[in-house]
Amino acid sequence: MATRVTLSNLSVNAMVEARGKLCDGGFLEIYAGDRPAGADDPVPDAARLLATLQLGTPAFKAPIGGSATANPMNRELNAPSTGRPAWYRLYTADHQSVIEDGTVGQEGTNLIVPTGVIQEHAEIEVRGFVMAQPKVEP
């Protein structure tokens, strides 16, 4: 028989809260290009770093229904390169330990940015960032 787990609100909120605490004072890097297969894999050589933003402490508001919205974070004041934002990598405050990778775009993605193309030397801000945990595990 196949296994299938469904989680309660208590469980998904605890999971999101724990991941959110890992993010306190952490860093968010936005990349153009293909993302790696998993968050434990290195950033591909062909990926271009478009922005690095530092999260606040606390990084996220309290979770509700398995989702937590990020608190305001510092802007990237001088984007290092030009490109179409495609994915992000989230790090702890040591800027070495990876928490997760996710999608970036202007809508319908994990991380919302205000433009479809980031220009070198531009100032970059995040419009929305929600960390979520589904209630149904595959």
N, C-alpha and C. Protein backbone atom coordinates (compact mmCIF):
# COMPACT_ATOMS: atom_id res chain seq x y z
N MET A 1 0.84 -1.19 0.00
CA MET A 1 0.00 0.00 0.00
C MET A 1 0.88 1.24 0.00
N ALA A 2 0.53 2.24 -0.79
CA ALA A 2 1.28 3.50 -0.87
C ALA A 2 1.09 4.30 0.41
N THR A 3 2.08 5.13 0.70
CA THR A 3 1.96 6.00 1.88
C THR A 3 1.50 7.38 1.45
N ARG A 4 0.74 8.02 2.30
CA ARG A 4 0.25 9.38 2.03
C ARG A 4 -0.01 10.03 3.38
N VAL A 5 0.62 11.16 3.62
CA VAL A 5 0.47 11.87 4.88
C VAL A 5 -0.28 13.17 4.61
N THR A 6 -1.26 13.47 5.47
CA THR A 6 -1.89 14.79 5.47
C THR A 6 -1.58 15.42 6.82
N LEU A 7 -1.29 16.69 6.78
CA LEU A 7 -0.85 17.40 7.99
C LEU A 7 -1.92 18.35 8.49
N SER A 8 -1.93 18.58 9.79
CA SER A 8 -2.86 19.53 10.41
C SER A 8 -2.30 20.95 10.30
N ASN A 9 -3.16 21.93 10.57
CA ASN A 9 -2.70 23.33 10.62
C ASN A 9 -1.60 23.50 11.66
N LEU A 10 -1.74 22.83 12.80
CA LEU A 10 -0.71 22.89 13.84
C LEU A 10 0.63 22.46 13.28
N SER A 11 0.65 21.35 12.54
CA SER A 11 1.90 20.82 11.98
C SER A 11 2.50 21.75 10.93
N VAL A 12 1.68 22.16 9.94
CA VAL A 12 2.24 23.00 8.87
C VAL A 12 2.69 24.35 9.40
N ASN A 13 1.97 24.90 10.39
CA ASN A 13 2.40 26.18 10.96
C ASN A 13 3.71 26.03 11.72
N ALA A 14 3.89 24.91 12.44
CA ALA A 14 5.15 24.67 13.15
C ALA A 14 6.31 24.51 12.18
N MET A 15 6.06 23.83 11.07
CA MET A 15 7.11 23.64 10.06
C MET A 15 7.52 24.98 9.44
N VAL A 16 6.54 25.79 9.09
CA VAL A 16 6.84 27.09 8.48
C VAL A 16 7.52 28.00 9.50
N GLU A 17 7.07 27.97 10.75
CA GLU A 17 7.70 28.80 11.78
C GLU A 17 9.17 28.42 11.97
N ALA A 18 9.46 27.13 11.98
CA ALA A 18 10.85 26.67 12.15
C ALA A 18 11.71 27.11 10.96
N ARG A 19 11.21 26.95 9.73
CA ARG A 19 11.96 27.40 8.55
C ARG A 19 12.13 28.92 8.58
N GLY A 20 11.09 29.62 9.00
CA GLY A 20 11.17 31.08 9.08
C GLY A 20 12.24 31.55 10.04
N LYS A 21 12.37 30.88 11.18
CA LYS A 21 13.40 31.25 12.16
C LYS A 21 14.80 31.03 11.59
N LEU A 22 14.98 30.01 10.75
CA LEU A 22 16.27 29.81 10.09
C LEU A 22 16.64 31.00 9.21
N CYS A 23 15.63 31.73 8.75
CA CYS A 23 15.83 32.85 7.83
C CYS A 23 16.16 34.16 8.52
N ASP A 24 16.00 34.24 9.85
CA ASP A 24 16.24 35.50 10.56
C ASP A 24 17.63 36.04 10.26
N GLY A 25 17.69 37.25 9.70
CA GLY A 25 18.96 37.87 9.34
C GLY A 25 19.63 37.21 8.15
N GLY A 26 18.91 36.33 7.46
CA GLY A 26 19.48 35.58 6.34
C GLY A 26 19.55 36.37 5.05
N PHE A 27 19.89 35.68 3.99
CA PHE A 27 20.10 36.33 2.69
C PHE A 27 19.27 35.64 1.61
N LEU A 28 18.80 36.45 0.68
CA LEU A 28 18.02 35.99 -0.46
C LEU A 28 18.77 36.40 -1.71
N GLU A 29 19.19 35.41 -2.50
CA GLU A 29 19.87 35.68 -3.76
C GLU A 29 18.92 35.35 -4.91
N ILE A 30 18.82 36.27 -5.87
CA ILE A 30 17.96 36.10 -7.03
C ILE A 30 18.85 35.84 -8.24
N TYR A 31 18.49 34.79 -9.02
CA TYR A 31 19.31 34.36 -10.15
C TYR A 31 18.51 34.35 -11.45
N ALA A 32 19.23 34.52 -12.55
CA ALA A 32 18.73 34.25 -13.90
C ALA A 32 19.31 32.91 -14.31
N GLY A 33 18.61 32.19 -15.20
CA GLY A 33 19.11 30.91 -15.69
C GLY A 33 18.47 29.74 -14.98
N ASP A 34 18.96 28.56 -15.34
CA ASP A 34 18.40 27.33 -14.77
C ASP A 34 18.81 27.18 -13.32
N ARG A 35 17.87 26.66 -12.53
CA ARG A 35 18.18 26.40 -11.13
C ARG A 35 18.65 24.96 -10.98
N PRO A 36 19.36 24.65 -9.91
CA PRO A 36 19.81 23.28 -9.70
C PRO A 36 18.64 22.36 -9.41
N ALA A 37 18.88 21.06 -9.48
CA ALA A 37 17.83 20.06 -9.24
C ALA A 37 17.31 20.15 -7.80
N GLY A 38 18.17 20.48 -6.87
CA GLY A 38 17.77 20.56 -5.47
C GLY A 38 18.54 21.64 -4.73
N ALA A 39 18.03 22.02 -3.57
CA ALA A 39 18.66 23.10 -2.79
C ALA A 39 20.01 22.69 -2.21
N ASP A 40 20.30 21.40 -2.16
CA ASP A 40 21.60 20.94 -1.68
C ASP A 40 22.66 20.93 -2.79
N ASP A 41 22.24 21.18 -4.02
CA ASP A 41 23.16 21.22 -5.15
C ASP A 41 23.75 22.62 -5.31
N PRO A 42 24.97 22.73 -5.83
CA PRO A 42 25.58 24.05 -6.01
C PRO A 42 24.86 24.86 -7.08
N VAL A 43 25.01 26.17 -7.00
CA VAL A 43 24.48 27.07 -8.02
C VAL A 43 25.19 26.74 -9.33
N PRO A 44 24.43 26.51 -10.41
CA PRO A 44 25.06 26.19 -11.69
C PRO A 44 25.99 27.32 -12.18
N ASP A 45 27.07 26.95 -12.85
CA ASP A 45 28.02 27.93 -13.36
C ASP A 45 27.36 28.94 -14.29
N ALA A 46 26.36 28.50 -15.06
CA ALA A 46 25.71 29.37 -16.03
C ALA A 46 24.71 30.34 -15.39
N ALA A 47 24.33 30.13 -14.13
CA ALA A 47 23.38 31.03 -13.46
C ALA A 47 24.05 32.36 -13.19
N ARG A 48 23.27 33.45 -13.36
CA ARG A 48 23.79 34.80 -13.09
C ARG A 48 23.11 35.39 -11.87
N LEU A 49 23.91 35.81 -10.90
CA LEU A 49 23.39 36.47 -9.71
C LEU A 49 22.90 37.86 -10.10
N LEU A 50 21.61 38.12 -9.80
CA LEU A 50 21.01 39.42 -10.15
C LEU A 50 20.85 40.34 -8.94
N ALA A 51 20.71 39.76 -7.76
CA ALA A 51 20.49 40.59 -6.57
C ALA A 51 20.73 39.76 -5.31
N THR A 52 21.17 40.44 -4.26
CA THR A 52 21.29 39.85 -2.93
C THR A 52 20.61 40.80 -1.95
N LEU A 53 19.63 40.27 -1.23
CA LEU A 53 18.89 41.06 -0.26
C LEU A 53 19.03 40.40 1.11
N GLN A 54 19.08 41.21 2.17
CA GLN A 54 19.15 40.65 3.51
C GLN A 54 17.79 40.74 4.18
N LEU A 55 17.38 39.62 4.78
CA LEU A 55 16.12 39.55 5.48
C LEU A 55 16.26 40.17 6.87
N GLY A 56 15.14 40.57 7.42
CA GLY A 56 15.13 41.15 8.76
C GLY A 56 15.12 40.07 9.83
N THR A 57 14.98 40.52 11.06
CA THR A 57 14.84 39.63 12.21
C THR A 57 13.68 40.16 13.05
N PRO A 58 12.57 39.46 13.08
CA PRO A 58 12.31 38.19 12.43
C PRO A 58 12.11 38.36 10.92
N ALA A 59 12.43 37.33 10.18
CA ALA A 59 12.31 37.38 8.72
C ALA A 59 10.87 37.26 8.25
N PHE A 60 10.04 36.51 9.00
CA PHE A 60 8.66 36.26 8.60
C PHE A 60 7.69 36.55 9.72
N LYS A 61 6.48 36.92 9.32
CA LYS A 61 5.38 37.05 10.27
C LYS A 61 4.95 35.66 10.74
N ALA A 62 4.10 35.59 11.76
CA ALA A 62 3.61 34.31 12.26
C ALA A 62 2.82 33.59 11.17
N PRO A 63 3.02 32.29 11.03
CA PRO A 63 2.31 31.54 9.98
C PRO A 63 0.83 31.36 10.31
N ILE A 64 0.03 31.35 9.24
CA ILE A 64 -1.39 31.06 9.32
C ILE A 64 -1.71 30.09 8.20
N GLY A 65 -2.31 28.96 8.53
CA GLY A 65 -2.69 27.99 7.52
C GLY A 65 -1.53 27.45 6.71
N GLY A 66 -0.35 27.40 7.31
CA GLY A 66 0.81 26.85 6.62
C GLY A 66 1.56 27.83 5.74
N SER A 67 1.25 29.14 5.87
CA SER A 67 1.93 30.17 5.08
C SER A 67 2.35 31.33 5.98
N ALA A 68 3.52 31.89 5.68
CA ALA A 68 4.01 33.06 6.41
C ALA A 68 4.55 34.07 5.41
N THR A 69 4.19 35.33 5.60
CA THR A 69 4.63 36.41 4.73
C THR A 69 5.90 37.03 5.29
N ALA A 70 6.85 37.32 4.41
CA ALA A 70 8.11 37.92 4.84
C ALA A 70 7.89 39.34 5.35
N ASN A 71 8.63 39.69 6.37
CA ASN A 71 8.69 41.08 6.81
C ASN A 71 9.54 41.85 5.81
N PRO A 72 9.48 43.19 5.83
CA PRO A 72 10.31 43.96 4.90
C PRO A 72 11.79 43.57 5.02
N MET A 73 12.46 43.59 3.86
CA MET A 73 13.88 43.25 3.84
C MET A 73 14.66 44.37 3.14
N ASN A 74 15.96 44.39 3.37
CA ASN A 74 16.80 45.40 2.73
C ASN A 74 16.78 45.22 1.22
N ARG A 75 16.88 46.32 0.49
CA ARG A 75 16.93 46.29 -0.97
C ARG A 75 18.34 46.01 -1.45
N GLU A 76 18.41 45.51 -2.67
CA GLU A 76 19.70 45.43 -3.39
C GLU A 76 19.88 46.82 -3.98
N LEU A 77 20.96 47.52 -3.64
CA LEU A 77 21.16 48.90 -4.09
C LEU A 77 21.89 48.99 -5.42
N ASN A 78 22.56 47.90 -5.85
CA ASN A 78 23.35 47.95 -7.07
C ASN A 78 23.42 46.55 -7.69
N ALA A 79 22.41 46.19 -8.47
CA ALA A 79 22.34 44.84 -9.05
C ALA A 79 23.63 44.53 -9.81
N PRO A 80 24.24 43.35 -9.56
CA PRO A 80 25.52 43.03 -10.18
C PRO A 80 25.46 42.67 -11.66
N SER A 81 24.27 42.32 -12.19
CA SER A 81 24.18 41.97 -13.60
C SER A 81 22.74 42.12 -14.10
N THR A 82 22.58 42.00 -15.41
CA THR A 82 21.26 42.11 -16.06
C THR A 82 20.75 40.72 -16.39
N GLY A 83 19.45 40.51 -16.20
CA GLY A 83 18.86 39.23 -16.56
C GLY A 83 17.41 39.11 -16.12
N ARG A 84 16.76 38.06 -16.58
CA ARG A 84 15.38 37.77 -16.22
C ARG A 84 15.38 36.92 -14.95
N PRO A 85 14.82 37.43 -13.85
CA PRO A 85 14.82 36.64 -12.62
C PRO A 85 14.00 35.37 -12.77
N ALA A 86 14.59 34.24 -12.41
CA ALA A 86 13.94 32.94 -12.60
C ALA A 86 13.81 32.15 -11.30
N TRP A 87 14.79 32.27 -10.41
CA TRP A 87 14.75 31.49 -9.17
C TRP A 87 15.55 32.20 -8.08
N TYR A 88 15.29 31.77 -6.85
CA TYR A 88 16.03 32.35 -5.73
C TYR A 88 16.63 31.23 -4.88
N ARG A 89 17.63 31.61 -4.12
CA ARG A 89 18.21 30.73 -3.10
C ARG A 89 18.20 31.50 -1.79
N LEU A 90 17.69 30.85 -0.75
CA LEU A 90 17.56 31.46 0.57
C LEU A 90 18.58 30.84 1.51
N TYR A 91 19.34 31.70 2.21
CA TYR A 91 20.41 31.27 3.11
C TYR A 91 20.14 31.74 4.54
N THR A 92 20.75 31.04 5.49
CA THR A 92 20.74 31.51 6.88
C THR A 92 21.63 32.75 6.98
N ALA A 93 21.73 33.30 8.19
CA ALA A 93 22.50 34.53 8.41
C ALA A 93 23.99 34.36 8.11
N ASP A 94 24.50 33.13 8.09
CA ASP A 94 25.92 32.94 7.77
C ASP A 94 26.21 33.06 6.27
N HIS A 95 25.15 33.16 5.46
CA HIS A 95 25.23 33.30 4.00
C HIS A 95 25.97 32.11 3.37
N GLN A 96 25.92 30.96 4.05
CA GLN A 96 26.54 29.73 3.55
C GLN A 96 25.55 28.56 3.56
N SER A 97 24.75 28.47 4.61
CA SER A 97 23.83 27.35 4.79
C SER A 97 22.52 27.61 4.04
N VAL A 98 22.21 26.72 3.09
CA VAL A 98 21.04 26.89 2.23
C VAL A 98 19.78 26.39 2.93
N ILE A 99 18.71 27.17 2.82
CA ILE A 99 17.41 26.80 3.37
C ILE A 99 16.51 26.24 2.28
N GLU A 100 16.41 26.96 1.15
CA GLU A 100 15.53 26.53 0.08
C GLU A 100 15.82 27.29 -1.20
N ASP A 101 15.31 26.75 -2.31
CA ASP A 101 15.27 27.41 -3.61
C ASP A 101 13.80 27.56 -3.98
N GLY A 102 13.47 28.56 -4.78
CA GLY A 102 12.10 28.74 -5.23
C GLY A 102 12.04 29.57 -6.49
N THR A 103 10.82 29.79 -6.98
CA THR A 103 10.62 30.51 -8.23
C THR A 103 10.46 32.01 -7.99
N VAL A 104 10.84 32.79 -9.04
CA VAL A 104 10.75 34.25 -8.99
C VAL A 104 10.02 34.74 -10.23
N GLY A 105 9.18 35.74 -10.06
CA GLY A 105 8.50 36.35 -11.19
C GLY A 105 7.65 37.53 -10.73
N GLN A 106 6.83 38.02 -11.65
CA GLN A 106 5.99 39.17 -11.32
C GLN A 106 4.64 38.76 -10.74
N GLU A 107 4.27 37.48 -10.90
CA GLU A 107 3.05 36.97 -10.29
C GLU A 107 3.06 35.44 -10.35
N GLY A 108 2.32 34.83 -9.43
CA GLY A 108 2.17 33.38 -9.45
C GLY A 108 3.42 32.59 -9.12
N THR A 109 4.38 33.21 -8.44
CA THR A 109 5.63 32.53 -8.06
C THR A 109 5.84 32.66 -6.56
N ASN A 110 6.85 31.97 -6.03
CA ASN A 110 7.14 32.07 -4.60
C ASN A 110 7.56 33.48 -4.19
N LEU A 111 8.35 34.11 -5.04
CA LEU A 111 8.90 35.43 -4.76
C LEU A 111 8.45 36.39 -5.85
N ILE A 112 7.86 37.51 -5.47
CA ILE A 112 7.33 38.48 -6.43
C ILE A 112 8.28 39.68 -6.51
N VAL A 113 8.72 39.99 -7.74
CA VAL A 113 9.56 41.15 -8.00
C VAL A 113 8.81 42.08 -8.96
N PRO A 114 9.15 43.38 -8.94
CA PRO A 114 8.37 44.34 -9.71
C PRO A 114 8.66 44.40 -11.21
N THR A 115 9.67 43.69 -11.68
CA THR A 115 10.05 43.81 -13.09
C THR A 115 10.41 42.45 -13.66
N GLY A 116 10.17 42.28 -14.97
CA GLY A 116 10.49 41.03 -15.63
C GLY A 116 11.96 40.89 -15.98
N VAL A 117 12.68 42.01 -16.01
CA VAL A 117 14.12 42.01 -16.28
C VAL A 117 14.79 42.93 -15.27
N ILE A 118 15.80 42.42 -14.59
CA ILE A 118 16.59 43.23 -13.67
C ILE A 118 17.77 43.78 -14.45
N GLN A 119 17.98 45.08 -14.35
CA GLN A 119 19.07 45.75 -15.05
C GLN A 119 20.27 45.91 -14.12
N GLU A 120 21.46 45.70 -14.66
CA GLU A 120 22.68 45.91 -13.91
C GLU A 120 22.67 47.31 -13.30
N HIS A 121 23.12 47.43 -12.06
CA HIS A 121 23.23 48.66 -11.29
C HIS A 121 21.88 49.19 -10.79
N ALA A 122 20.78 48.48 -11.08
CA ALA A 122 19.46 48.93 -10.62
C ALA A 122 19.29 48.64 -9.13
N GLU A 123 18.37 49.35 -8.52
CA GLU A 123 17.96 49.09 -7.15
C GLU A 123 16.81 48.09 -7.21
N ILE A 124 16.89 47.01 -6.43
CA ILE A 124 15.91 45.93 -6.50
C ILE A 124 15.22 45.77 -5.16
N GLU A 125 13.88 45.66 -5.21
CA GLU A 125 13.12 45.36 -4.01
C GLU A 125 12.22 44.17 -4.27
N VAL A 126 11.82 43.50 -3.21
CA VAL A 126 10.90 42.37 -3.29
C VAL A 126 9.52 42.90 -2.96
N ARG A 127 8.54 42.58 -3.80
CA ARG A 127 7.16 43.02 -3.58
C ARG A 127 6.39 42.06 -2.70
N GLY A 128 6.74 40.80 -2.72
CA GLY A 128 6.04 39.82 -1.91
C GLY A 128 6.83 38.53 -1.83
N PHE A 129 6.82 37.93 -0.65
CA PHE A 129 7.53 36.67 -0.45
C PHE A 129 6.76 35.89 0.61
N VAL A 130 6.26 34.73 0.23
CA VAL A 130 5.50 33.89 1.14
C VAL A 130 6.17 32.52 1.22
N MET A 131 6.41 32.08 2.43
CA MET A 131 6.94 30.75 2.69
C MET A 131 5.73 29.87 3.04
N ALA A 132 5.61 28.73 2.37
CA ALA A 132 4.44 27.87 2.61
C ALA A 132 4.83 26.42 2.74
N GLN A 133 3.98 25.68 3.43
CA GLN A 133 4.13 24.24 3.58
C GLN A 133 2.80 23.59 3.24
N PRO A 134 2.75 22.75 2.22
CA PRO A 134 1.48 22.10 1.87
C PRO A 134 1.03 21.13 2.97
N LYS A 135 -0.28 20.97 3.07
CA LYS A 135 -0.85 20.07 4.07
C LYS A 135 -0.83 18.61 3.64
N VAL A 136 -0.62 18.36 2.34
CA VAL A 136 -0.58 17.00 1.82
C VAL A 136 0.83 16.72 1.33
N GLU A 137 1.44 15.69 1.88
CA GLU A 137 2.79 15.29 1.48
C GLU A 137 2.67 14.17 0.43
N PRO A 138 3.48 14.23 -0.63
CA PRO A 138 3.42 13.16 -1.64
C PRO A 138 3.86 11.81 -1.09
